[in-house]
């Protein structure tokens, strides 16, 4: 029963978030720089923080694991995700920094047809890089969701909703990149959906991994919390730190609070069920 719930939840979080992203882009006329992504970022940040501080960490600390060890795990997790983020940035700069300068020089000294060929090649390379990175990220999300389900079904549902919320704006960016490398929008959507489906593979792997290491479950929850906290504080919220009007600021805070309320409502509904 738990495995079935993990599969369904990871499918909803992984592929469902892609379809929601595509739907929102369609409603917004495919204009990703608009206000909708900003509101989704606020919503996702609130959902992730609420899940980590109100559900995952309390569940971990209710176990027999020592508070000191759990806090150390949380700290190590935050440092790990920081280093992982730095590695991704370094790889991105190493792979794409030089081609960018080359394309500029190529534009200066060669004809338009040659430049278009190089530019297209760069987009194809970027598209595959996006899909690879997205697949790895989604696999990790699946493991985190599985860890939550192994602790408590309600906790797993909350984690799945939080992952879905924070993946929507992320997948909107993925779809934009892949549409630049392909004239077929349906193909771009299918590719991102396939990457999202890797969430289920992570969930199944996490089910068997955590099932064999039940005594380490509180530490898995602490790592899951560190992931959610890092994504919210280091990735999402910095994108919201912009000079806005009073009305836009209130709306931003409102969407953040809505994310917290969403997690709370899902938690109570699951608990009542």
C-alpha atoms as a PDB file:
ATOM      1  CA  UNK A   1       0.000   0.000   0.000  1.00  0.00           C
ATOM      2  CA  UNK A   2       2.803   2.399   0.899  1.00  0.00           C
ATOM      3  CA  UNK A   3       4.641   1.665  -2.358  1.00  0.00           C
ATOM      4  CA  UNK A   4       1.471   2.319  -4.383  1.00  0.00           C
ATOM      5  CA  UNK A   5       0.981   5.635  -2.563  1.00  0.00           C
ATOM      6  CA  UNK A   6       4.612   6.599  -3.257  1.00  0.00           C
ATOM      7  CA  UNK A   7       4.244   5.801  -6.964  1.00  0.00           C
ATOM      8  CA  UNK A   8       1.020   7.791  -7.300  1.00  0.00           C
ATOM      9  CA  UNK A   9       2.380  10.748  -5.307  1.00  0.00           C
ATOM     10  CA  UNK A  10       5.672  10.901  -7.224  1.00  0.00           C
ATOM     11  CA  UNK A  11       3.830  10.703 -10.553  1.00  0.00           C
ATOM     12  CA  UNK A  12       1.602  13.587  -9.457  1.00  0.00           C
ATOM     13  CA  UNK A  13       4.565  15.645  -8.219  1.00  0.00           C
ATOM     14  CA  UNK A  14       6.920  14.814 -11.095  1.00  0.00           C
ATOM     15  CA  UNK A  15       4.716  14.770 -14.195  1.00  0.00           C
ATOM     16  CA  UNK A  16       1.813  16.760 -12.742  1.00  0.00           C
ATOM     17  CA  UNK A  17       4.074  19.724 -12.016  1.00  0.00           C
ATOM     18  CA  UNK A  18       5.177  19.764 -15.689  1.00  0.00           C
ATOM     19  CA  UNK A  19       1.592  19.814 -16.941  1.00  0.00           C
ATOM     20  CA  UNK A  20       0.605  22.516 -14.458  1.00  0.00           C
ATOM     21  CA  UNK A  21       3.599  24.580 -15.610  1.00  0.00           C
ATOM     22  CA  UNK A  22       2.606  24.160 -19.264  1.00  0.00           C
ATOM     23  CA  UNK A  23      -0.994  25.082 -18.462  1.00  0.00           C
ATOM     24  CA  UNK A  24       0.013  28.238 -16.609  1.00  0.00           C
ATOM     25  CA  UNK A  25       2.342  29.242 -19.446  1.00  0.00           C
ATOM     26  CA  UNK A  26      -0.515  28.751 -21.908  1.00  0.00           C
ATOM     27  CA  UNK A  27      -2.857  30.867 -19.783  1.00  0.00           C
ATOM     28  CA  UNK A  28      -0.194  33.537 -19.509  1.00  0.00           C
ATOM     29  CA  UNK A  29       0.476  33.607 -23.227  1.00  0.00           C
ATOM     30  CA  UNK A  30       3.829  31.838 -22.691  1.00  0.00           C
ATOM     31  CA  UNK A  31       5.289  34.950 -21.053  1.00  0.00           C
ATOM     32  CA  UNK A  32       7.440  33.458 -18.290  1.00  0.00           C
ATOM     33  CA  UNK A  33       8.817  36.821 -17.025  1.00  0.00           C
ATOM     34  CA  UNK A  34       5.322  37.888 -15.885  1.00  0.00           C
ATOM     35  CA  UNK A  35       3.941  38.046 -12.370  1.00  0.00           C
ATOM     36  CA  UNK A  36       2.612  34.475 -12.317  1.00  0.00           C
ATOM     37  CA  UNK A  37       6.068  32.857 -11.897  1.00  0.00           C
ATOM     38  CA  UNK A  38       6.831  35.333  -9.101  1.00  0.00           C
ATOM     39  CA  UNK A  39       3.642  34.356  -7.302  1.00  0.00           C
ATOM     40  CA  UNK A  40       4.429  30.678  -7.785  1.00  0.00           C
ATOM     41  CA  UNK A  41       7.906  31.227  -6.350  1.00  0.00           C
ATOM     42  CA  UNK A  42       6.360  32.825  -3.264  1.00  0.00           C
ATOM     43  CA  UNK A  43       3.831  30.008  -2.950  1.00  0.00           C
ATOM     44  CA  UNK A  44       6.528  27.346  -3.312  1.00  0.00           C
ATOM     45  CA  UNK A  45       8.835  29.016  -0.773  1.00  0.00           C
ATOM     46  CA  UNK A  46       6.045  29.111   1.815  1.00  0.00           C
ATOM     47  CA  UNK A  47       5.112  25.474   1.149  1.00  0.00           C
ATOM     48  CA  UNK A  48       8.701  24.243   1.429  1.00  0.00           C
ATOM     49  CA  UNK A  49       9.434  26.129   4.644  1.00  0.00           C
ATOM     50  CA  UNK A  50       6.165  24.982   6.220  1.00  0.00           C
ATOM     51  CA  UNK A  51       6.833  21.368   5.259  1.00  0.00           C
ATOM     52  CA  UNK A  52      10.369  21.430   6.668  1.00  0.00           C
ATOM     53  CA  UNK A  53       9.710  23.294   9.935  1.00  0.00           C
ATOM     54  CA  UNK A  54       6.161  22.193  10.732  1.00  0.00           C
ATOM     55  CA  UNK A  55       6.215  18.561   9.605  1.00  0.00           C
ATOM     56  CA  UNK A  56       9.495  16.919   8.564  1.00  0.00           C
ATOM     57  CA  UNK A  57      11.670  18.201  11.434  1.00  0.00           C
ATOM     58  CA  UNK A  58       9.041  17.640  14.172  1.00  0.00           C
ATOM     59  CA  UNK A  59       8.579  14.071  12.892  1.00  0.00           C
ATOM     60  CA  UNK A  60      12.348  13.496  13.002  1.00  0.00           C
ATOM     61  CA  UNK A  61      12.683  14.904  16.528  1.00  0.00           C
ATOM     62  CA  UNK A  62       9.810  12.748  17.813  1.00  0.00           C
ATOM     63  CA  UNK A  63      11.968   9.684  17.149  1.00  0.00           C
ATOM     64  CA  UNK A  64      14.597   8.222  19.453  1.00  0.00           C
ATOM     65  CA  UNK A  65      17.385   9.955  17.544  1.00  0.00           C
ATOM     66  CA  UNK A  66      19.329  12.528  19.535  1.00  0.00           C
ATOM     67  CA  UNK A  67      18.657  16.205  18.924  1.00  0.00           C
ATOM     68  CA  UNK A  68      22.376  16.946  18.540  1.00  0.00           C
ATOM     69  CA  UNK A  69      22.823  14.302  15.851  1.00  0.00           C
ATOM     70  CA  UNK A  70      19.752  15.522  13.969  1.00  0.00           C
ATOM     71  CA  UNK A  71      20.946  19.132  14.040  1.00  0.00           C
ATOM     72  CA  UNK A  72      24.368  18.002  12.783  1.00  0.00           C
ATOM     73  CA  UNK A  73      22.636  16.095   9.959  1.00  0.00           C
ATOM     74  CA  UNK A  74      20.599  19.195   9.121  1.00  0.00           C
ATOM     75  CA  UNK A  75      23.749  21.341   9.037  1.00  0.00           C
ATOM     76  CA  UNK A  76      25.682  18.829   6.920  1.00  0.00           C
ATOM     77  CA  UNK A  77      22.700  18.619   4.554  1.00  0.00           C
ATOM     78  CA  UNK A  78      22.602  22.396   4.101  1.00  0.00           C
ATOM     79  CA  UNK A  79      26.357  22.517   3.409  1.00  0.00           C
ATOM     80  CA  UNK A  80      26.034  19.593   0.982  1.00  0.00           C
ATOM     81  CA  UNK A  81      23.281  21.268  -1.043  1.00  0.00           C
ATOM     82  CA  UNK A  82      25.288  24.502  -1.032  1.00  0.00           C
ATOM     83  CA  UNK A  83      28.313  22.678  -2.462  1.00  0.00           C
ATOM     84  CA  UNK A  84      26.106  20.872  -4.958  1.00  0.00           C
ATOM     85  CA  UNK A  85      24.710  24.197  -6.116  1.00  0.00           C
ATOM     86  CA  UNK A  86      28.233  25.634  -6.455  1.00  0.00           C
ATOM     87  CA  UNK A  87      29.279  22.599  -8.511  1.00  0.00           C
ATOM     88  CA  UNK A  88      26.314  23.096 -10.851  1.00  0.00           C
ATOM     89  CA  UNK A  89      27.163  26.785 -11.280  1.00  0.00           C
ATOM     90  CA  UNK A  90      30.813  25.982 -11.964  1.00  0.00           C
ATOM     91  CA  UNK A  91      29.871  23.314 -14.503  1.00  0.00           C
ATOM     92  CA  UNK A  92      27.411  25.652 -16.215  1.00  0.00           C
ATOM     93  CA  UNK A  93      30.006  28.423 -16.459  1.00  0.00           C
ATOM     94  CA  UNK A  94      32.715  26.029 -17.626  1.00  0.00           C
ATOM     95  CA  UNK A  95      30.525  24.515 -20.318  1.00  0.00           C
ATOM     96  CA  UNK A  96      28.738  27.615 -21.580  1.00  0.00           C
ATOM     97  CA  UNK A  97      31.004  30.567 -20.814  1.00  0.00           C
ATOM     98  CA  UNK A  98      33.451  29.947 -23.656  1.00  0.00           C
ATOM     99  CA  UNK A  99      30.848  29.084 -26.300  1.00  0.00           C
ATOM    100  CA  UNK A 100      29.061  32.321 -25.502  1.00  0.00           C
ATOM    101  CA  UNK A 101      32.191  34.356 -26.280  1.00  0.00           C
ATOM    102  CA  UNK A 102      32.801  32.223 -29.332  1.00  0.00           C
ATOM    103  CA  UNK A 103      29.314  32.907 -30.596  1.00  0.00           C
ATOM    104  CA  UNK A 104      29.864  36.623 -30.099  1.00  0.00           C
ATOM    105  CA  UNK A 105      33.150  36.493 -32.035  1.00  0.00           C
ATOM    106  CA  UNK A 106      31.503  34.333 -34.667  1.00  0.00           C
ATOM    107  CA  UNK A 107      28.798  36.939 -35.048  1.00  0.00           C
ATOM    108  CA  UNK A 108      31.445  39.607 -35.583  1.00  0.00           C
ATOM    109  CA  UNK A 109      33.490  37.761 -38.241  1.00  0.00           C
ATOM    110  CA  UNK A 110      31.216  35.261 -39.990  1.00  0.00           C
ATOM    111  CA  UNK A 111      28.006  35.280 -41.934  1.00  0.00           C
ATOM    112  CA  UNK A 112      24.512  35.026 -40.489  1.00  0.00           C
ATOM    113  CA  UNK A 113      24.001  31.429 -41.584  1.00  0.00           C
ATOM    114  CA  UNK A 114      27.078  30.197 -39.716  1.00  0.00           C
ATOM    115  CA  UNK A 115      26.074  32.086 -36.600  1.00  0.00           C
ATOM    116  CA  UNK A 116      22.603  30.601 -36.671  1.00  0.00           C
ATOM    117  CA  UNK A 117      24.108  27.118 -36.864  1.00  0.00           C
ATOM    118  CA  UNK A 118      26.301  27.684 -33.800  1.00  0.00           C
ATOM    119  CA  UNK A 119      23.454  29.284 -31.878  1.00  0.00           C
ATOM    120  CA  UNK A 120      21.179  26.346 -32.579  1.00  0.00           C
ATOM    121  CA  UNK A 121      23.890  23.921 -31.518  1.00  0.00           C
ATOM    122  CA  UNK A 122      24.289  25.818 -28.243  1.00  0.00           C
ATOM    123  CA  UNK A 123      20.574  25.574 -27.533  1.00  0.00           C
ATOM    124  CA  UNK A 124      20.595  21.836 -28.219  1.00  0.00           C
ATOM    125  CA  UNK A 125      23.509  21.387 -25.830  1.00  0.00           C
ATOM    126  CA  UNK A 126      21.733  23.501 -23.209  1.00  0.00           C
ATOM    127  CA  UNK A 127      18.530  21.497 -23.663  1.00  0.00           C
ATOM    128  CA  UNK A 128      20.252  18.204 -22.906  1.00  0.00           C
ATOM    129  CA  UNK A 129      22.057  19.766 -19.962  1.00  0.00           C
ATOM    130  CA  UNK A 130      18.707  20.948 -18.585  1.00  0.00           C
ATOM    131  CA  UNK A 131      17.147  17.501 -19.005  1.00  0.00           C
ATOM    132  CA  UNK A 132      20.092  15.741 -17.347  1.00  0.00           C
ATOM    133  CA  UNK A 133      20.172  18.090 -14.386  1.00  0.00           C
ATOM    134  CA  UNK A 134      16.393  18.011 -14.069  1.00  0.00           C
ATOM    135  CA  UNK A 135      16.352  14.196 -14.060  1.00  0.00           C
ATOM    136  CA  UNK A 136      18.916  14.000 -11.256  1.00  0.00           C
ATOM    137  CA  UNK A 137      16.996  16.623  -9.276  1.00  0.00           C
ATOM    138  CA  UNK A 138      13.704  14.783  -9.779  1.00  0.00           C
ATOM    139  CA  UNK A 139      15.257  11.480  -8.667  1.00  0.00           C
ATOM    140  CA  UNK A 140      16.315  13.179  -5.433  1.00  0.00           C
ATOM    141  CA  UNK A 141      12.802  14.565  -4.967  1.00  0.00           C
ATOM    142  CA  UNK A 142      11.439  11.034  -5.322  1.00  0.00           C
ATOM    143  CA  UNK A 143      13.744   9.725  -2.599  1.00  0.00           C
ATOM    144  CA  UNK A 144      12.686  12.564  -0.275  1.00  0.00           C
ATOM    145  CA  UNK A 145       8.991  11.872  -0.894  1.00  0.00           C
ATOM    146  CA  UNK A 146       9.541   8.153  -0.245  1.00  0.00           C
ATOM    147  CA  UNK A 147      11.336   8.944   3.029  1.00  0.00           C
ATOM    148  CA  UNK A 148       8.367  11.035   4.150  1.00  0.00           C
ATOM    149  CA  UNK A 149       5.871   8.300   3.223  1.00  0.00           C
ATOM    150  CA  UNK A 150       7.891   5.697   5.126  1.00  0.00           C
ATOM    151  CA  UNK A 151       7.583   7.837   8.240  1.00  0.00           C
ATOM    152  CA  UNK A 152       3.891   8.659   7.854  1.00  0.00           C
ATOM    153  CA  UNK A 153       1.392   8.613   4.987  1.00  0.00           C
ATOM    154  CA  UNK A 154       0.194  12.111   5.848  1.00  0.00           C
ATOM    155  CA  UNK A 155       3.762  13.395   5.871  1.00  0.00           C
ATOM    156  CA  UNK A 156       4.362  11.847   2.454  1.00  0.00           C
ATOM    157  CA  UNK A 157       1.332  13.576   0.992  1.00  0.00           C
ATOM    158  CA  UNK A 158       2.493  16.924   2.365  1.00  0.00           C
ATOM    159  CA  UNK A 159       5.990  16.408   0.949  1.00  0.00           C
ATOM    160  CA  UNK A 160       4.541  15.511  -2.465  1.00  0.00           C
ATOM    161  CA  UNK A 161       2.424  18.685  -2.532  1.00  0.00           C
ATOM    162  CA  UNK A 162       5.445  20.794  -1.556  1.00  0.00           C
ATOM    163  CA  UNK A 163       7.610  19.223  -4.264  1.00  0.00           C
ATOM    164  CA  UNK A 164       4.873  19.817  -6.847  1.00  0.00           C
ATOM    165  CA  UNK A 165       4.581  23.470  -5.788  1.00  0.00           C
ATOM    166  CA  UNK A 166       8.286  24.224  -6.057  1.00  0.00           C
ATOM    167  CA  UNK A 167       8.768  22.265  -9.286  1.00  0.00           C
ATOM    168  CA  UNK A 168       6.116  24.232 -11.234  1.00  0.00           C
ATOM    169  CA  UNK A 169       8.152  27.462 -11.678  1.00  0.00           C
ATOM    170  CA  UNK A 170      11.285  25.353 -12.227  1.00  0.00           C
ATOM    171  CA  UNK A 171       9.642  23.388 -15.058  1.00  0.00           C
ATOM    172  CA  UNK A 172       8.372  26.606 -16.628  1.00  0.00           C
ATOM    173  CA  UNK A 173      11.996  27.599 -17.142  1.00  0.00           C
ATOM    174  CA  UNK A 174      12.852  24.140 -18.495  1.00  0.00           C
ATOM    175  CA  UNK A 175      10.055  24.302 -21.051  1.00  0.00           C
ATOM    176  CA  UNK A 176      11.213  27.744 -22.234  1.00  0.00           C
ATOM    177  CA  UNK A 177      14.786  26.465 -22.763  1.00  0.00           C
ATOM    178  CA  UNK A 178      13.665  23.341 -24.631  1.00  0.00           C
ATOM    179  CA  UNK A 179      11.245  25.283 -26.838  1.00  0.00           C
ATOM    180  CA  UNK A 180      14.226  27.320 -28.000  1.00  0.00           C
ATOM    181  CA  UNK A 181      15.973  24.117 -29.119  1.00  0.00           C
ATOM    182  CA  UNK A 182      12.912  22.595 -30.809  1.00  0.00           C
ATOM    183  CA  UNK A 183      10.231  24.053 -33.037  1.00  0.00           C
ATOM    184  CA  UNK A 184       7.796  21.406 -31.795  1.00  0.00           C
ATOM    185  CA  UNK A 185       6.290  22.511 -28.482  1.00  0.00           C
ATOM    186  CA  UNK A 186       4.755  19.086 -27.877  1.00  0.00           C
ATOM    187  CA  UNK A 187       8.188  17.446 -28.075  1.00  0.00           C
ATOM    188  CA  UNK A 188       9.531  19.915 -25.498  1.00  0.00           C
ATOM    189  CA  UNK A 189       6.643  19.093 -23.152  1.00  0.00           C
ATOM    190  CA  UNK A 190       7.205  15.345 -23.589  1.00  0.00           C
ATOM    191  CA  UNK A 191      10.927  15.666 -22.840  1.00  0.00           C
ATOM    192  CA  UNK A 192      10.345  17.624 -19.637  1.00  0.00           C
ATOM    193  CA  UNK A 193       7.589  15.171 -18.639  1.00  0.00           C
ATOM    194  CA  UNK A 194      10.028  12.271 -19.072  1.00  0.00           C
ATOM    195  CA  UNK A 195      12.494  14.034 -16.782  1.00  0.00           C
ATOM    196  CA  UNK A 196       9.667  14.591 -14.281  1.00  0.00           C
ATOM    197  CA  UNK A 197       8.811  10.873 -14.433  1.00  0.00           C
ATOM    198  CA  UNK A 198      12.248  10.122 -12.960  1.00  0.00           C
ATOM    199  CA  UNK A 199      10.703  11.299  -9.663  1.00  0.00           C
ATOM    200  CA  UNK A 200       8.849   7.976  -9.564  1.00  0.00           C
ATOM    201  CA  UNK A 201      12.087   6.034 -10.071  1.00  0.00           C
ATOM    202  CA  UNK A 202      13.543   7.940  -7.134  1.00  0.00           C
ATOM    203  CA  UNK A 203      10.454   7.148  -5.082  1.00  0.00           C
ATOM    204  CA  UNK A 204      10.685   3.414  -5.792  1.00  0.00           C
ATOM    205  CA  UNK A 205      14.430   3.395  -5.071  1.00  0.00           C
ATOM    206  CA  UNK A 206      13.860   5.378  -1.896  1.00  0.00           C
ATOM    207  CA  UNK A 207      11.163   2.937  -0.751  1.00  0.00           C
ATOM    208  CA  UNK A 208      13.543  -0.024  -0.848  1.00  0.00           C
ATOM    209  CA  UNK A 209      16.514   1.974   0.461  1.00  0.00           C
ATOM    210  CA  UNK A 210      14.698   3.483   3.443  1.00  0.00           C
ATOM    211  CA  UNK A 211      12.878   0.183   4.048  1.00  0.00           C
ATOM    212  CA  UNK A 212      16.232  -1.494   4.647  1.00  0.00           C
ATOM    213  CA  UNK A 213      17.453   1.336   6.878  1.00  0.00           C
ATOM    214  CA  UNK A 214      14.469   2.071   9.118  1.00  0.00           C
ATOM    215  CA  UNK A 215      16.672   3.143  12.020  1.00  0.00           C
ATOM    216  CA  UNK A 216      18.106   5.918   9.821  1.00  0.00           C
ATOM    217  CA  UNK A 217      14.683   7.289   8.837  1.00  0.00           C
ATOM    218  CA  UNK A 218      14.889  10.347  11.174  1.00  0.00           C
ATOM    219  CA  UNK A 219      18.156  11.302   9.477  1.00  0.00           C
ATOM    220  CA  UNK A 220      16.591  10.916   6.025  1.00  0.00           C
ATOM    221  CA  UNK A 221      13.865  13.311   7.198  1.00  0.00           C
ATOM    222  CA  UNK A 222      16.509  15.775   8.426  1.00  0.00           C
ATOM    223  CA  UNK A 223      18.238  15.628   5.024  1.00  0.00           C
ATOM    224  CA  UNK A 224      14.885  16.143   3.303  1.00  0.00           C
ATOM    225  CA  UNK A 225      14.319  19.175   5.530  1.00  0.00           C
ATOM    226  CA  UNK A 226      17.739  20.606   4.668  1.00  0.00           C
ATOM    227  CA  UNK A 227      16.907  20.236   0.976  1.00  0.00           C
ATOM    228  CA  UNK A 228      13.587  22.067   1.319  1.00  0.00           C
ATOM    229  CA  UNK A 229      15.088  24.804   3.501  1.00  0.00           C
ATOM    230  CA  UNK A 230      18.028  25.356   1.153  1.00  0.00           C
ATOM    231  CA  UNK A 231      15.851  25.535  -1.955  1.00  0.00           C
ATOM    232  CA  UNK A 232      13.495  28.001  -0.269  1.00  0.00           C
ATOM    233  CA  UNK A 233      16.124  30.290   1.285  1.00  0.00           C
ATOM    234  CA  UNK A 234      18.954  30.086  -1.264  1.00  0.00           C
ATOM    235  CA  UNK A 235      17.057  29.667  -4.534  1.00  0.00           C
ATOM    236  CA  UNK A 236      13.458  30.865  -4.337  1.00  0.00           C
ATOM    237  CA  UNK A 237      13.419  33.737  -1.849  1.00  0.00           C
ATOM    238  CA  UNK A 238      16.482  35.550  -3.340  1.00  0.00           C
ATOM    239  CA  UNK A 239      14.532  35.738  -6.613  1.00  0.00           C
ATOM    240  CA  UNK A 240      11.788  37.556  -4.707  1.00  0.00           C
ATOM    241  CA  UNK A 241      14.118  40.161  -3.191  1.00  0.00           C
ATOM    242  CA  UNK A 242      13.286  42.926  -5.624  1.00  0.00           C
ATOM    243  CA  UNK A 243      12.167  46.492  -5.199  1.00  0.00           C
ATOM    244  CA  UNK A 244       8.397  46.326  -5.595  1.00  0.00           C
ATOM    245  CA  UNK A 245       5.444  48.599  -4.986  1.00  0.00           C
ATOM    246  CA  UNK A 246       3.557  48.269  -1.711  1.00  0.00           C
ATOM    247  CA  UNK A 247       0.742  46.442  -3.469  1.00  0.00           C
ATOM    248  CA  UNK A 248       3.082  43.946  -5.142  1.00  0.00           C
ATOM    249  CA  UNK A 249       4.924  43.383  -1.860  1.00  0.00           C
ATOM    250  CA  UNK A 250       1.676  42.614  -0.049  1.00  0.00           C
ATOM    251  CA  UNK A 251       0.717  40.212  -2.846  1.00  0.00           C
ATOM    252  CA  UNK A 252       4.134  38.524  -2.601  1.00  0.00           C
ATOM    253  CA  UNK A 253       3.810  38.035   1.151  1.00  0.00           C
ATOM    254  CA  UNK A 254       0.232  36.878   0.664  1.00  0.00           C
ATOM    255  CA  UNK A 255       1.295  34.141  -1.764  1.00  0.00           C
ATOM    256  CA  UNK A 256       4.061  33.079   0.643  1.00  0.00           C
ATOM    257  CA  UNK A 257       1.492  32.759   3.445  1.00  0.00           C
ATOM    258  CA  UNK A 258      -0.825  30.926   1.057  1.00  0.00           C
ATOM    259  CA  UNK A 259       1.888  28.298   0.580  1.00  0.00           C
ATOM    260  CA  UNK A 260       2.066  27.813   4.358  1.00  0.00           C
ATOM    261  CA  UNK A 261      -1.732  27.619   4.605  1.00  0.00           C
ATOM    262  CA  UNK A 262      -1.852  25.138   1.707  1.00  0.00           C
ATOM    263  CA  UNK A 263       0.497  22.748   3.514  1.00  0.00           C
ATOM    264  CA  UNK A 264      -1.480  23.151   6.745  1.00  0.00           C
ATOM    265  CA  UNK A 265      -4.793  22.435   5.024  1.00  0.00           C
ATOM    266  CA  UNK A 266      -3.405  19.366   3.258  1.00  0.00           C
ATOM    267  CA  UNK A 267      -1.985  18.148   6.563  1.00  0.00           C
ATOM    268  CA  UNK A 268      -5.285  18.489   8.417  1.00  0.00           C
ATOM    269  CA  UNK A 269      -7.289  16.948   5.582  1.00  0.00           C
ATOM    270  CA  UNK A 270      -4.935  13.956   5.422  1.00  0.00           C
ATOM    271  CA  UNK A 271      -4.997  13.607   9.208  1.00  0.00           C
ATOM    272  CA  UNK A 272      -8.809  13.685   9.272  1.00  0.00           C
ATOM    273  CA  UNK A 273      -8.945  11.087   6.480  1.00  0.00           C
END
